[in-house]
Protein backbone atom coordinates (compact mmCIF):
# COMPACT_ATOMS: atom_id res chain seq x y z
CA MET A 1 -55.14 33.17 54.70
CA PRO A 2 -57.98 30.64 55.04
CA ASP A 3 -58.43 28.21 52.18
CA ARG A 4 -61.30 29.32 49.96
CA ARG A 5 -62.22 26.63 47.46
CA ILE A 6 -63.12 27.42 43.87
CA PRO A 7 -65.83 27.23 42.70
CA ARG A 8 -67.96 28.26 45.64
CA ALA A 9 -71.40 29.76 45.97
CA PHE A 10 -72.28 33.42 46.36
CA THR A 11 -75.64 35.10 46.87
CA LEU A 12 -76.55 38.71 46.20
CA PRO A 13 -79.98 40.38 46.25
CA TRP A 14 -80.18 40.32 42.42
CA GLY A 15 -78.87 36.81 41.82
CA SER A 16 -76.67 33.95 42.88
CA GLY A 17 -74.09 31.67 41.37
CA GLN A 18 -70.48 30.62 41.70
CA VAL A 19 -67.17 32.36 42.34
CA THR A 20 -65.32 30.69 39.46
CA GLU A 21 -61.90 32.35 39.78
CA GLU A 22 -60.24 34.37 42.51
CA ALA A 23 -57.03 36.37 42.77
CA ALA A 24 -56.30 36.95 46.46
CA ILE A 25 -53.30 37.90 48.56
CA GLU A 26 -52.51 38.28 52.22
CA GLY A 27 -52.32 42.04 52.69
CA GLY A 28 -51.61 42.49 56.39
CA LEU A 29 -54.76 44.03 57.85
CA HIS A 30 -56.95 42.20 55.36
CA ALA A 31 -56.80 39.88 52.35
CA PRO A 32 -57.62 41.76 49.12
CA SER A 33 -59.45 39.64 46.56
CA ILE A 34 -60.68 40.06 43.00
CA GLN A 35 -63.31 37.50 42.07
CA LEU A 36 -64.92 36.33 38.84
CA LEU A 37 -68.60 35.69 39.55
CA HIS A 38 -70.85 33.64 37.27
CA TYR A 39 -74.58 34.14 37.85
CA GLU A 40 -76.69 30.99 37.68
CA LEU A 41 -79.99 32.37 39.05
CA GLY A 42 -81.75 35.72 39.09
CA ALA A 43 -81.85 38.78 36.87
CA ARG A 44 -78.17 38.37 35.84
CA LYS A 45 -78.42 34.64 35.00
CA GLY A 46 -75.67 33.61 32.54
CA GLN A 47 -73.60 36.76 33.06
CA ASN A 48 -70.11 37.15 34.51
CA ALA A 49 -69.09 39.96 36.86
CA VAL A 50 -65.99 41.10 38.72
CA ARG A 51 -66.21 41.66 42.47
CA PHE A 52 -63.53 43.55 44.41
CA VAL A 53 -63.61 42.49 48.07
CA ALA A 54 -61.46 41.88 51.11
CA TYR A 55 -61.53 39.29 53.85
CA ASP A 56 -60.73 40.00 57.49
CA GLU A 57 -58.17 38.07 59.55
CA ASP A 58 -60.80 35.40 60.36
CA GLY A 59 -61.65 34.83 56.69
CA HIS A 60 -64.98 36.70 56.74
CA LEU A 61 -66.00 38.95 53.88
CA GLU A 62 -65.54 42.58 54.94
CA GLN A 63 -68.48 44.93 54.52
CA ARG A 64 -66.46 47.89 53.29
CA PRO A 65 -64.72 48.98 50.08
CA LEU A 66 -61.60 47.18 48.94
CA ILE A 67 -58.47 49.27 49.35
CA VAL A 68 -55.27 47.97 47.74
CA ASN A 69 -52.01 49.56 48.83
CA GLU A 70 -49.49 50.18 46.04
CA ARG A 71 -47.06 47.74 47.68
CA GLU A 72 -49.70 45.00 47.17
CA ILE A 73 -50.13 45.59 43.43
CA ALA A 74 -47.34 43.29 42.21
CA ALA A 75 -48.53 40.35 44.33
CA LEU A 76 -52.15 40.85 43.33
CA ARG A 77 -51.11 41.12 39.68
CA ARG A 78 -49.32 37.76 39.92
CA GLU A 79 -52.49 36.21 41.30
CA VAL A 80 -54.63 37.72 38.54
CA GLN A 81 -52.29 36.19 35.97
CA ARG A 82 -53.23 32.75 37.32
CA SER A 83 -56.92 33.38 36.57
CA PRO A 84 -57.31 33.61 32.77
CA ARG A 85 -61.01 34.51 32.51
CA LEU A 86 -60.77 37.07 35.30
CA ARG A 87 -57.67 38.53 33.68
CA ALA A 88 -59.44 38.82 30.31
CA LEU A 89 -62.39 40.64 31.87
CA LEU A 90 -60.11 43.02 33.79
CA ARG A 91 -58.17 43.71 30.60
CA ARG A 92 -61.40 44.93 29.02
CA LEU A 93 -61.72 47.36 31.94
CA VAL A 94 -58.32 48.99 31.46
CA GLU A 95 -57.45 48.69 27.77
CA ASP A 96 -58.83 50.54 24.76
């Protein structure tokens, strides 16, 4: 998997900022990734968001939905555990 430094810039139509944490694994056909985004400019300035993406074999962001196979869950979970702010935000997604 290509080295993707953290933080690094991202740009979306509604704002831009930094990828501040990333949990990524090598998944075979692609590299699933869960990213913590922090908006610095635009309508979402100051907010955090979670982005679910995948990278192709050349390290380019894929333009399709992220699909995580159940055999990849344990490895992706280990990577999420290394990203405390991302983990806390994901916990809010799945816990009561």
